[in-house]
Amino acid sequence: MIKVYKEIFEEQLKLIQLLFASVEEKNIKNEQKLNIPGKDS
C-alpha cells in the first residue's frame, strides 16, 4: 500500500517540477522582453 502512495507522490512531484520549470521559463522570457534590470543584481 505504501509503495502505491510513493509512486503517486513521485508522479505528482514530477508534474509539479515541470510546472515550476515552465513558469520559470515564462518569467525569464517576460523579463527579457521588458528589459527590466535583473532582480539578481
PDB file of N, CA and C in Angstrom:
ATOM      1  N   MET A   1       0.833  -1.211   0.000  1.00  0.00           N
ATOM      2  CA  MET A   1       0.000   0.000   0.000  1.00  0.00           C
ATOM      3  C   MET A   1       0.870   1.266   0.000  1.00  0.00           C
ATOM      4  N   ILE A   2       1.879   1.275   0.875  1.00  0.00           N
ATOM      5  CA  ILE A   2       2.781   2.436   0.942  1.00  0.00           C
ATOM      6  C   ILE A   2       3.484   2.631  -0.395  1.00  0.00           C
ATOM      7  N   LYS A   3       3.832   1.519  -1.049  1.00  0.00           N
ATOM      8  CA  LYS A   3       4.531   1.603  -2.335  1.00  0.00           C
ATOM      9  C   LYS A   3       3.680   2.350  -3.368  1.00  0.00           C
ATOM     10  N   VAL A   4       2.387   2.084  -3.372  1.00  0.00           N
ATOM     11  CA  VAL A   4       1.476   2.749  -4.300  1.00  0.00           C
ATOM     12  C   VAL A   4       1.468   4.253  -4.024  1.00  0.00           C
ATOM     13  N   TYR A   5       1.364   4.610  -2.743  1.00  0.00           N
ATOM     14  CA  TYR A   5       1.372   6.028  -2.377  1.00  0.00           C
ATOM     15  C   TYR A   5       2.666   6.698  -2.816  1.00  0.00           C
ATOM     16  N   LYS A   6       3.771   5.973  -2.638  1.00  0.00           N
ATOM     17  CA  LYS A   6       5.082   6.517  -3.001  1.00  0.00           C
ATOM     18  C   LYS A   6       5.141   6.808  -4.504  1.00  0.00           C
ATOM     19  N   GLU A   7       4.606   5.888  -5.301  1.00  0.00           N
ATOM     20  CA  GLU A   7       4.616   6.070  -6.754  1.00  0.00           C
ATOM     21  C   GLU A   7       3.751   7.263  -7.160  1.00  0.00           C
ATOM     22  N   ILE A   8       2.581   7.373  -6.535  1.00  0.00           N
ATOM     23  CA  ILE A   8       1.690   8.504  -6.830  1.00  0.00           C
ATOM     24  C   ILE A   8       2.381   9.802  -6.454  1.00  0.00           C
ATOM     25  N   PHE A   9       3.010   9.822  -5.285  1.00  0.00           N
ATOM     26  CA  PHE A   9       3.702  11.008  -4.805  1.00  0.00           C
ATOM     27  C   PHE A   9       4.806  11.413  -5.769  1.00  0.00           C
ATOM     28  N   GLU A  10       5.566  10.449  -6.255  1.00  0.00           N
ATOM     29  CA  GLU A  10       6.659  10.742  -7.185  1.00  0.00           C
ATOM     30  C   GLU A  10       6.127  11.297  -8.499  1.00  0.00           C
ATOM     31  N   GLU A  11       4.999  10.768  -8.972  1.00  0.00           N
ATOM     32  CA  GLU A  11       4.389  11.293 -10.196  1.00  0.00           C
ATOM     33  C   GLU A  11       3.965  12.741  -9.988  1.00  0.00           C
ATOM     34  N   GLN A  12       3.325  13.014  -8.849  1.00  0.00           N
ATOM     35  CA  GLN A  12       2.893  14.378  -8.530  1.00  0.00           C
ATOM     36  C   GLN A  12       4.088  15.316  -8.495  1.00  0.00           C
ATOM     37  N   LEU A  13       5.176  14.848  -7.880  1.00  0.00           N
ATOM     38  CA  LEU A  13       6.389  15.649  -7.755  1.00  0.00           C
ATOM     39  C   LEU A  13       6.934  16.012  -9.133  1.00  0.00           C
ATOM     40  N   LYS A  14       6.928  15.035 -10.042  1.00  0.00           N
ATOM     41  CA  LYS A  14       7.418  15.289 -11.409  1.00  0.00           C
ATOM     42  C   LYS A  14       6.565  16.351 -12.091  1.00  0.00           C
ATOM     43  N   LEU A  15       5.239  16.242 -11.927  1.00  0.00           N
ATOM     44  CA  LEU A  15       4.335  17.215 -12.549  1.00  0.00           C
ATOM     45  C   LEU A  15       4.565  18.612 -11.987  1.00  0.00           C
ATOM     46  N   ILE A  16       4.741  18.691 -10.660  1.00  0.00           N
ATOM     47  CA  ILE A  16       4.977  19.984 -10.017  1.00  0.00           C
ATOM     48  C   ILE A  16       6.283  20.589 -10.512  1.00  0.00           C
ATOM     49  N   GLN A  17       7.320  19.761 -10.637  1.00  0.00           N
ATOM     50  CA  GLN A  17       8.609  20.257 -11.118  1.00  0.00           C
ATOM     51  C   GLN A  17       8.502  20.770 -12.544  1.00  0.00           C
ATOM     52  N   LEU A  18       7.751  20.060 -13.383  1.00  0.00           N
ATOM     53  CA  LEU A  18       7.552  20.511 -14.769  1.00  0.00           C
ATOM     54  C   LEU A  18       6.813  21.848 -14.785  1.00  0.00           C
ATOM     55  N   LEU A  19       5.807  21.951 -13.924  1.00  0.00           N
ATOM     56  CA  LEU A  19       5.014  23.176 -13.842  1.00  0.00           C
ATOM     57  C   LEU A  19       5.898  24.356 -13.455  1.00  0.00           C
ATOM     58  N   PHE A  20       6.713  24.173 -12.406  1.00  0.00           N
ATOM     59  CA  PHE A  20       7.611  25.239 -11.973  1.00  0.00           C
ATOM     60  C   PHE A  20       8.611  25.595 -13.056  1.00  0.00           C
ATOM     61  N   ALA A  21       9.116  24.592 -13.755  1.00  0.00           N
ATOM     62  CA  ALA A  21      10.093  24.845 -14.819  1.00  0.00           C
ATOM     63  C   ALA A  21       9.480  25.713 -15.909  1.00  0.00           C
ATOM     64  N   SER A  22       8.248  25.412 -16.303  1.00  0.00           N
ATOM     65  CA  SER A  22       7.605  26.191 -17.366  1.00  0.00           C
ATOM     66  C   SER A  22       7.285  27.605 -16.887  1.00  0.00           C
ATOM     67  N   VAL A  23       6.915  27.753 -15.622  1.00  0.00           N
ATOM     68  CA  VAL A  23       6.637  29.082 -15.066  1.00  0.00           C
ATOM     69  C   VAL A  23       7.919  29.899 -15.040  1.00  0.00           C
ATOM     70  N   GLU A  24       9.017  29.285 -14.598  1.00  0.00           N
ATOM     71  CA  GLU A  24      10.315  29.964 -14.568  1.00  0.00           C
ATOM     72  C   GLU A  24      10.685  30.446 -15.961  1.00  0.00           C
ATOM     73  N   GLU A  25      10.484  29.575 -16.949  1.00  0.00           N
ATOM     74  CA  GLU A  25      10.826  29.914 -18.336  1.00  0.00           C
ATOM     75  C   GLU A  25      10.043  31.142 -18.792  1.00  0.00           C
ATOM     76  N   LYS A  26       8.743  31.153 -18.482  1.00  0.00           N
ATOM     77  CA  LYS A  26       7.897  32.290 -18.861  1.00  0.00           C
ATOM     78  C   LYS A  26       8.388  33.569 -18.195  1.00  0.00           C
ATOM     79  N   ASN A  27       8.731  33.488 -16.916  1.00  0.00           N
ATOM     80  CA  ASN A  27       9.214  34.659 -16.183  1.00  0.00           C
ATOM     81  C   ASN A  27      10.484  35.206 -16.812  1.00  0.00           C
ATOM     82  N   ILE A  28      11.404  34.318 -17.169  1.00  0.00           N
ATOM     83  CA  ILE A  28      12.668  34.742 -17.784  1.00  0.00           C
ATOM     84  C   ILE A  28      12.383  35.424 -19.117  1.00  0.00           C
ATOM     85  N   LYS A  29      11.505  34.835 -19.920  1.00  0.00           N
ATOM     86  CA  LYS A  29      11.174  35.422 -21.223  1.00  0.00           C
ATOM     87  C   LYS A  29      10.528  36.794 -21.049  1.00  0.00           C
ATOM     88  N   ASN A  30       9.635  36.916 -20.075  1.00  0.00           N
ATOM     89  CA  ASN A  30       8.968  38.195 -19.824  1.00  0.00           C
ATOM     90  C   ASN A  30       9.972  39.256 -19.406  1.00  0.00           C
ATOM     91  N   GLU A  31      10.911  38.897 -18.541  1.00  0.00           N
ATOM     92  CA  GLU A  31      11.916  39.847 -18.083  1.00  0.00           C
ATOM     93  C   GLU A  31      12.791  40.303 -19.240  1.00  0.00           C
ATOM     94  N   GLN A  32      13.127  39.379 -20.130  1.00  0.00           N
ATOM     95  CA  GLN A  32      13.945  39.737 -21.287  1.00  0.00           C
ATOM     96  C   GLN A  32      13.179  40.689 -22.201  1.00  0.00           C
ATOM     97  N   LYS A  33      11.879  40.419 -22.364  1.00  0.00           N
ATOM     98  CA  LYS A  33      11.040  41.266 -23.224  1.00  0.00           C
ATOM     99  C   LYS A  33      10.957  42.689 -22.669  1.00  0.00           C
ATOM    100  N   LEU A  34      10.745  42.784 -21.355  1.00  0.00           N
ATOM    101  CA  LEU A  34      10.555  44.089 -20.723  1.00  0.00           C
ATOM    102  C   LEU A  34      11.874  44.830 -20.510  1.00  0.00           C
ATOM    103  N   ASN A  35      12.988  44.100 -20.615  1.00  0.00           N
ATOM    104  CA  ASN A  35      14.314  44.698 -20.398  1.00  0.00           C
ATOM    105  C   ASN A  35      14.426  45.334 -19.014  1.00  0.00           C
ATOM    106  N   ILE A  36      13.848  44.670 -18.031  1.00  0.00           N
ATOM    107  CA  ILE A  36      13.961  45.150 -16.654  1.00  0.00           C
ATOM    108  C   ILE A  36      15.351  44.755 -16.148  1.00  0.00           C
ATOM    109  N   PRO A  37      16.049  45.654 -15.470  1.00  0.00           N
ATOM    110  CA  PRO A  37      17.318  45.252 -14.859  1.00  0.00           C
ATOM    111  C   PRO A  37      17.065  44.046 -13.955  1.00  0.00           C
ATOM    112  N   GLY A  38      17.919  43.042 -14.052  1.00  0.00           N
ATOM    113  CA  GLY A  38      17.704  41.796 -13.316  1.00  0.00           C
ATOM    114  C   GLY A  38      17.547  42.001 -11.830  1.00  0.00           C
ATOM    115  N   LYS A  39      16.616  41.230 -11.254  1.00  0.00           N
ATOM    116  CA  LYS A  39      16.417  41.300  -9.807  1.00  0.00           C
ATOM    117  C   LYS A  39      17.615  40.687  -9.077  1.00  0.00           C
ATOM    118  N   ASP A  40      18.376  39.856  -9.798  1.00  0.00           N
ATOM    119  CA  ASP A  40      19.522  39.167  -9.192  1.00  0.00           C
ATOM    120  C   ASP A  40      20.629  40.157  -8.842  1.00  0.00           C
ATOM    121  N   SER A  41      20.783  41.197  -9.670  1.00  0.00           N
ATOM    122  CA  SER A  41      21.903  42.121  -9.483  1.00  0.00           C
ATOM    123  C   SER A  41      21.732  43.006  -8.257  1.00  0.00           C
TER     124      SER A  41
END
